[in-house]
């Protein structure tokens, strides 16, 4: 049930931003997390200039930060969507380790 919700939510959010004129690049993503307490956290990846270099922050890290800043650590469901293609993408190894380090329940 949660996965149907977060998939639909992701498609809806990305589609709305496209209608509003947002142009997405091939690496742009949206991560939606549903916490153990059924709270929803979402974030798009971000890029910023640091010391003259373009640095990207992944959407998973930003969504996880929102969740932990709210005092939660356990993820019940999560999806990361490619904004250009509207397809789900798998988290990389570094991402998996980050979620597991936040709470052992996130290992599964």
Protein backbone atom coordinates (compact mmCIF):
# COMPACT_ATOMS: atom_id res chain seq x y z
CA UNK A 1 0.00 0.00 0.00
CA UNK A 2 2.73 2.51 0.94
CA UNK A 3 4.61 1.79 -2.28
CA UNK A 4 1.55 2.51 -4.44
CA UNK A 5 1.12 5.79 -2.55
CA UNK A 6 4.72 6.96 -2.83
CA UNK A 7 4.96 6.00 -6.52
CA UNK A 8 1.79 7.98 -7.30
CA UNK A 9 2.98 10.85 -5.12
CA UNK A 10 6.33 10.98 -6.92
CA UNK A 11 4.75 10.95 -10.38
CA UNK A 12 2.30 13.67 -9.32
CA UNK A 13 5.00 15.95 -7.84
CA UNK A 14 7.35 15.59 -10.82
CA UNK A 15 4.55 16.04 -13.36
CA UNK A 16 3.37 19.21 -11.61
CA UNK A 17 6.88 20.70 -11.64
CA UNK A 18 7.17 19.89 -15.36
CA UNK A 19 3.83 21.65 -15.99
CA UNK A 20 5.16 24.64 -14.06
CA UNK A 21 8.13 24.82 -16.45
CA UNK A 22 10.85 22.99 -14.54
CA UNK A 23 13.39 21.38 -16.86
CA UNK A 24 14.87 18.19 -15.48
CA UNK A 25 18.23 16.75 -16.48
CA UNK A 26 18.93 13.02 -16.84
CA UNK A 27 20.42 12.73 -13.32
CA UNK A 28 17.66 14.66 -11.49
CA UNK A 29 15.77 12.63 -8.90
CA UNK A 30 13.04 12.92 -6.31
CA UNK A 31 13.19 10.80 -3.17
CA UNK A 32 10.09 10.16 -1.07
CA UNK A 33 10.37 8.48 2.31
CA UNK A 34 7.53 7.25 4.50
CA UNK A 35 8.71 6.90 8.06
CA UNK A 36 7.80 4.20 10.54
CA UNK A 37 5.29 6.73 11.97
CA UNK A 38 3.72 7.29 8.50
CA UNK A 39 5.15 10.78 8.05
CA UNK A 40 6.18 11.66 4.48
CA UNK A 41 9.48 13.34 3.61
CA UNK A 42 10.42 14.34 0.08
CA UNK A 43 13.34 16.05 -1.57
CA UNK A 44 14.81 16.66 -5.01
CA UNK A 45 18.55 16.46 -5.58
CA UNK A 46 20.34 19.81 -5.42
CA UNK A 47 23.43 21.30 -7.00
CA UNK A 48 25.41 24.22 -5.67
CA UNK A 49 28.70 25.96 -6.25
CA UNK A 50 31.31 25.36 -3.56
CA UNK A 51 34.73 26.93 -3.99
CA UNK A 52 34.06 27.35 -7.70
CA UNK A 53 33.01 23.71 -8.23
CA UNK A 54 29.55 22.35 -8.91
CA UNK A 55 28.63 19.92 -6.13
CA UNK A 56 25.54 17.70 -6.20
CA UNK A 57 23.69 16.46 -3.14
CA UNK A 58 21.56 13.38 -3.76
CA UNK A 59 17.83 13.46 -3.08
CA UNK A 60 18.03 10.45 -0.74
CA UNK A 61 20.47 12.25 1.56
CA UNK A 62 18.30 15.38 1.64
CA UNK A 63 15.08 13.46 2.34
CA UNK A 64 16.81 11.42 5.04
CA UNK A 65 18.11 14.64 6.63
CA UNK A 66 14.57 16.03 6.73
CA UNK A 67 13.40 12.85 8.45
CA UNK A 68 16.20 12.75 11.01
CA UNK A 69 15.84 16.51 11.68
CA UNK A 70 12.24 15.68 12.63
CA UNK A 71 13.48 13.11 15.14
CA UNK A 72 12.72 9.98 13.12
CA UNK A 73 15.18 7.36 11.89
CA UNK A 74 13.23 4.29 10.70
CA UNK A 75 12.06 4.09 7.07
CA UNK A 76 8.89 2.14 6.31
CA UNK A 77 8.98 2.74 2.54
CA UNK A 78 11.03 4.75 0.10
CA UNK A 79 11.23 5.48 -3.60
CA UNK A 80 13.67 7.44 -5.70
CA UNK A 81 12.37 8.50 -9.11
CA UNK A 82 14.28 9.77 -12.10
CA UNK A 83 12.55 13.07 -12.87
CA UNK A 84 13.35 13.05 -16.59
CA UNK A 85 12.02 9.54 -17.29
CA UNK A 86 9.55 9.02 -14.41
CA UNK A 87 11.14 5.69 -13.61
CA UNK A 88 12.17 4.35 -10.19
CA UNK A 89 15.91 4.01 -9.63
CA UNK A 90 17.74 1.81 -7.15
CA UNK A 91 19.81 3.42 -4.42
CA UNK A 92 23.55 2.99 -4.71
CA UNK A 93 25.71 1.20 -2.12
CA UNK A 94 26.69 4.45 -0.41
CA UNK A 95 23.02 5.33 -0.02
CA UNK A 96 22.16 1.94 1.45
CA UNK A 97 24.99 2.30 3.97
CA UNK A 98 23.80 5.79 4.92
CA UNK A 99 20.27 4.54 5.65
CA UNK A 100 21.54 1.52 7.61
CA UNK A 101 23.88 3.72 9.66
CA UNK A 102 20.89 5.90 10.57
CA UNK A 103 18.84 2.97 11.90
CA UNK A 104 19.48 -0.79 11.75
CA UNK A 105 15.77 -1.27 10.90
CA UNK A 106 16.53 0.32 7.52
CA UNK A 107 18.75 -2.61 6.53
CA UNK A 108 15.78 -4.45 5.02
